[in-house]
Amino acid sequence: MRIKVGDTVKVIAGDDKGATGKVIRVIRDKNRVVVEGVNKIQKHVKRSQKSPQGGRLSKEAPINASNVMLVGANGETTRIGVRKTSDGGKERFARNGGASLGLIAPAKKKAAQK
């Protein structure tokens, strides 16, 4: 999965199609992401010392990562690619413009020596 926490994404499928938000959490083993303000559910909370009133709590539920697309620097959605840098590291990049989205893995010592 190439989406990371803090990325701004746009929902491209489902009930919240067209909504934009920031990724709060990434669940890699289930291929799901939690996006701020998207896929809100009502959780019923029983009375307790933590919440003496009880009631309904609104929170975001995870959605499949295939239903979101990264919003690039120019405001358009883009796919994400991975490429090697000149020093041997890996970086994410926007496929539609080629802009770098940050380093994934630093260069290994053996690769840097060659």
C-alpha atoms as a PDB file:
ATOM      1  CA  MET A   1       0.000   0.000   0.000  1.00  0.00           C
ATOM      2  CA  ARG A   2       1.443   3.356  -1.014  1.00  0.00           C
ATOM      3  CA  ILE A   3      -0.859   5.609   1.005  1.00  0.00           C
ATOM      4  CA  LYS A   4       0.575   6.948   4.260  1.00  0.00           C
ATOM      5  CA  VAL A   5      -0.796   8.678   7.355  1.00  0.00           C
ATOM      6  CA  GLY A   6      -1.139  12.407   6.721  1.00  0.00           C
ATOM      7  CA  ASP A   7      -1.796  12.136   2.963  1.00  0.00           C
ATOM      8  CA  THR A   8      -4.749  14.071   1.572  1.00  0.00           C
ATOM      9  CA  VAL A   9      -6.991  11.714  -0.371  1.00  0.00           C
ATOM     10  CA  LYS A  10     -10.245  11.868  -2.342  1.00  0.00           C
ATOM     11  CA  VAL A  11     -12.868   9.132  -2.148  1.00  0.00           C
ATOM     12  CA  ILE A  12     -13.519   7.778  -5.665  1.00  0.00           C
ATOM     13  CA  ALA A  13     -16.145   5.107  -4.876  1.00  0.00           C
ATOM     14  CA  GLY A  14     -18.865   4.422  -2.330  1.00  0.00           C
ATOM     15  CA  ASP A  15     -21.389   6.496  -0.391  1.00  0.00           C
ATOM     16  CA  ASP A  16     -18.923   9.338   0.292  1.00  0.00           C
ATOM     17  CA  LYS A  17     -17.718   9.615  -3.323  1.00  0.00           C
ATOM     18  CA  GLY A  18     -16.138  13.014  -3.965  1.00  0.00           C
ATOM     19  CA  ALA A  19     -15.275  13.728  -0.320  1.00  0.00           C
ATOM     20  CA  THR A  20     -11.720  14.816   0.496  1.00  0.00           C
ATOM     21  CA  GLY A  21      -9.893  14.320   3.784  1.00  0.00           C
ATOM     22  CA  LYS A  22      -6.665  13.503   5.546  1.00  0.00           C
ATOM     23  CA  VAL A  23      -5.656   9.898   6.293  1.00  0.00           C
ATOM     24  CA  ILE A  24      -5.784   9.326  10.069  1.00  0.00           C
ATOM     25  CA  ARG A  25      -4.859   5.641  10.204  1.00  0.00           C
ATOM     26  CA  VAL A  26      -3.639   2.925   7.814  1.00  0.00           C
ATOM     27  CA  ILE A  27      -4.512  -0.739   8.456  1.00  0.00           C
ATOM     28  CA  ARG A  28      -2.056  -2.572   6.186  1.00  0.00           C
ATOM     29  CA  ASP A  29      -3.059  -6.187   6.898  1.00  0.00           C
ATOM     30  CA  LYS A  30      -6.686  -5.450   5.914  1.00  0.00           C
ATOM     31  CA  ASN A  31      -5.842  -2.949   3.109  1.00  0.00           C
ATOM     32  CA  ARG A  32      -8.002  -0.243   4.717  1.00  0.00           C
ATOM     33  CA  VAL A  33      -7.600   3.417   5.620  1.00  0.00           C
ATOM     34  CA  VAL A  34      -9.449   5.740   7.994  1.00  0.00           C
ATOM     35  CA  VAL A  35     -10.077   9.166   6.451  1.00  0.00           C
ATOM     36  CA  GLU A  36     -11.019  12.236   8.484  1.00  0.00           C
ATOM     37  CA  GLY A  37     -14.722  13.112   8.054  1.00  0.00           C
ATOM     38  CA  VAL A  38     -15.485  10.180   5.730  1.00  0.00           C
ATOM     39  CA  ASN A  39     -17.623   7.051   6.383  1.00  0.00           C
ATOM     40  CA  LYS A  40     -18.999   8.330   9.693  1.00  0.00           C
ATOM     41  CA  ILE A  41     -20.817   5.785  11.881  1.00  0.00           C
ATOM     42  CA  GLN A  42     -22.783   6.055  15.111  1.00  0.00           C
ATOM     43  CA  LYS A  43     -21.309   4.043  17.983  1.00  0.00           C
ATOM     44  CA  HIS A  44     -23.625   3.542  20.944  1.00  0.00           C
ATOM     45  CA  VAL A  45     -21.814   4.095  24.239  1.00  0.00           C
ATOM     46  CA  LYS A  46     -23.069   2.700  27.551  1.00  0.00           C
ATOM     47  CA  ARG A  47     -22.933   4.859  30.677  1.00  0.00           C
ATOM     48  CA  SER A  48     -19.629   4.610  32.531  1.00  0.00           C
ATOM     49  CA  GLN A  49     -17.279   6.759  34.579  1.00  0.00           C
ATOM     50  CA  LYS A  50     -15.525   7.765  31.380  1.00  0.00           C
ATOM     51  CA  SER A  51     -18.792   8.854  29.730  1.00  0.00           C
ATOM     52  CA  PRO A  52     -21.385   9.380  32.486  1.00  0.00           C
ATOM     53  CA  GLN A  53     -24.084  10.481  30.036  1.00  0.00           C
ATOM     54  CA  GLY A  54     -23.642   7.639  27.540  1.00  0.00           C
ATOM     55  CA  GLY A  55     -25.358   8.060  24.186  1.00  0.00           C
ATOM     56  CA  ARG A  56     -24.234   7.979  20.575  1.00  0.00           C
ATOM     57  CA  LEU A  57     -20.689   8.742  19.483  1.00  0.00           C
ATOM     58  CA  SER A  58     -19.938   9.676  15.868  1.00  0.00           C
ATOM     59  CA  LYS A  59     -16.646   8.322  14.520  1.00  0.00           C
ATOM     60  CA  GLU A  60     -14.942   7.410  11.253  1.00  0.00           C
ATOM     61  CA  ALA A  61     -14.913   3.793  10.082  1.00  0.00           C
ATOM     62  CA  PRO A  62     -12.239   2.279   7.812  1.00  0.00           C
ATOM     63  CA  ILE A  63     -12.763   2.116   4.050  1.00  0.00           C
ATOM     64  CA  ASN A  64     -10.924   0.058   1.455  1.00  0.00           C
ATOM     65  CA  ALA A  65      -7.722   1.672   0.209  1.00  0.00           C
ATOM     66  CA  SER A  66      -8.736   1.008  -3.399  1.00  0.00           C
ATOM     67  CA  ASN A  67     -11.625   3.479  -2.948  1.00  0.00           C
ATOM     68  CA  VAL A  68      -9.339   6.462  -2.309  1.00  0.00           C
ATOM     69  CA  MET A  69      -6.900   8.339  -4.527  1.00  0.00           C
ATOM     70  CA  LEU A  70      -4.133  10.727  -3.522  1.00  0.00           C
ATOM     71  CA  VAL A  71      -4.653  14.444  -4.144  1.00  0.00           C
ATOM     72  CA  GLY A  72      -1.466  15.909  -5.634  1.00  0.00           C
ATOM     73  CA  ALA A  73       0.096  19.325  -5.128  1.00  0.00           C
ATOM     74  CA  ASN A  74      -1.916  20.806  -8.022  1.00  0.00           C
ATOM     75  CA  GLY A  75      -5.224  19.684  -6.451  1.00  0.00           C
ATOM     76  CA  GLU A  76      -5.902  16.863  -8.926  1.00  0.00           C
ATOM     77  CA  THR A  77      -6.066  13.174  -8.065  1.00  0.00           C
ATOM     78  CA  THR A  78      -3.073  11.085  -9.033  1.00  0.00           C
ATOM     79  CA  ARG A  79      -1.822   7.557  -8.834  1.00  0.00           C
ATOM     80  CA  ILE A  80       1.299   6.855  -6.785  1.00  0.00           C
ATOM     81  CA  GLY A  81       4.445   5.208  -8.077  1.00  0.00           C
ATOM     82  CA  VAL A  82       7.724   4.123  -6.522  1.00  0.00           C
ATOM     83  CA  ARG A  83      11.100   4.788  -8.138  1.00  0.00           C
ATOM     84  CA  LYS A  84      14.747   4.517  -7.201  1.00  0.00           C
ATOM     85  CA  THR A  85      16.698   7.664  -6.521  1.00  0.00           C
ATOM     86  CA  SER A  86      20.162   8.348  -7.859  1.00  0.00           C
ATOM     87  CA  ASP A  87      21.773   7.384  -4.534  1.00  0.00           C
ATOM     88  CA  GLY A  88      19.960   4.001  -4.403  1.00  0.00           C
ATOM     89  CA  GLY A  89      17.024   4.856  -2.120  1.00  0.00           C
ATOM     90  CA  LYS A  90      13.308   4.607  -2.911  1.00  0.00           C
ATOM     91  CA  GLU A  91      10.807   7.448  -3.146  1.00  0.00           C
ATOM     92  CA  ARG A  92       7.080   7.836  -3.830  1.00  0.00           C
ATOM     93  CA  PHE A  93       6.105  10.032  -6.757  1.00  0.00           C
ATOM     94  CA  ALA A  94       2.943  11.355  -8.395  1.00  0.00           C
ATOM     95  CA  ARG A  95       2.348   9.571 -11.692  1.00  0.00           C
ATOM     96  CA  ASN A  96       0.607  12.468 -13.443  1.00  0.00           C
ATOM     97  CA  GLY A  97       3.288  15.096 -12.800  1.00  0.00           C
ATOM     98  CA  GLY A  98       6.325  13.192 -11.597  1.00  0.00           C
ATOM     99  CA  ALA A  99       6.601  15.240  -8.396  1.00  0.00           C
ATOM    100  CA  SER A 100       8.321  13.565  -5.463  1.00  0.00           C
ATOM    101  CA  LEU A 101       6.097  12.661  -2.484  1.00  0.00           C
ATOM    102  CA  GLY A 102       8.882  11.781  -0.077  1.00  0.00           C
ATOM    103  CA  LEU A 103      11.484   9.138   0.625  1.00  0.00           C
ATOM    104  CA  ILE A 104      10.330   5.601   1.507  1.00  0.00           C
ATOM    105  CA  ALA A 105      13.647   3.873   2.139  1.00  0.00           C
ATOM    106  CA  PRO A 106      17.124   5.392   2.430  1.00  0.00           C
ATOM    107  CA  ALA A 107      19.974   4.095   0.303  1.00  0.00           C
ATOM    108  CA  LYS A 108      21.687   0.927   1.482  1.00  0.00           C
ATOM    109  CA  LYS A 109      25.392   1.123   2.189  1.00  0.00           C
ATOM    110  CA  LYS A 110      26.316  -1.423  -0.509  1.00  0.00           C
ATOM    111  CA  ALA A 111      24.231   0.344  -3.173  1.00  0.00           C
ATOM    112  CA  ALA A 112      25.777   3.709  -2.305  1.00  0.00           C
ATOM    113  CA  GLN A 113      29.323   2.362  -2.761  1.00  0.00           C
ATOM    114  CA  LYS A 114      28.733   1.071  -6.337  1.00  0.00           C
END
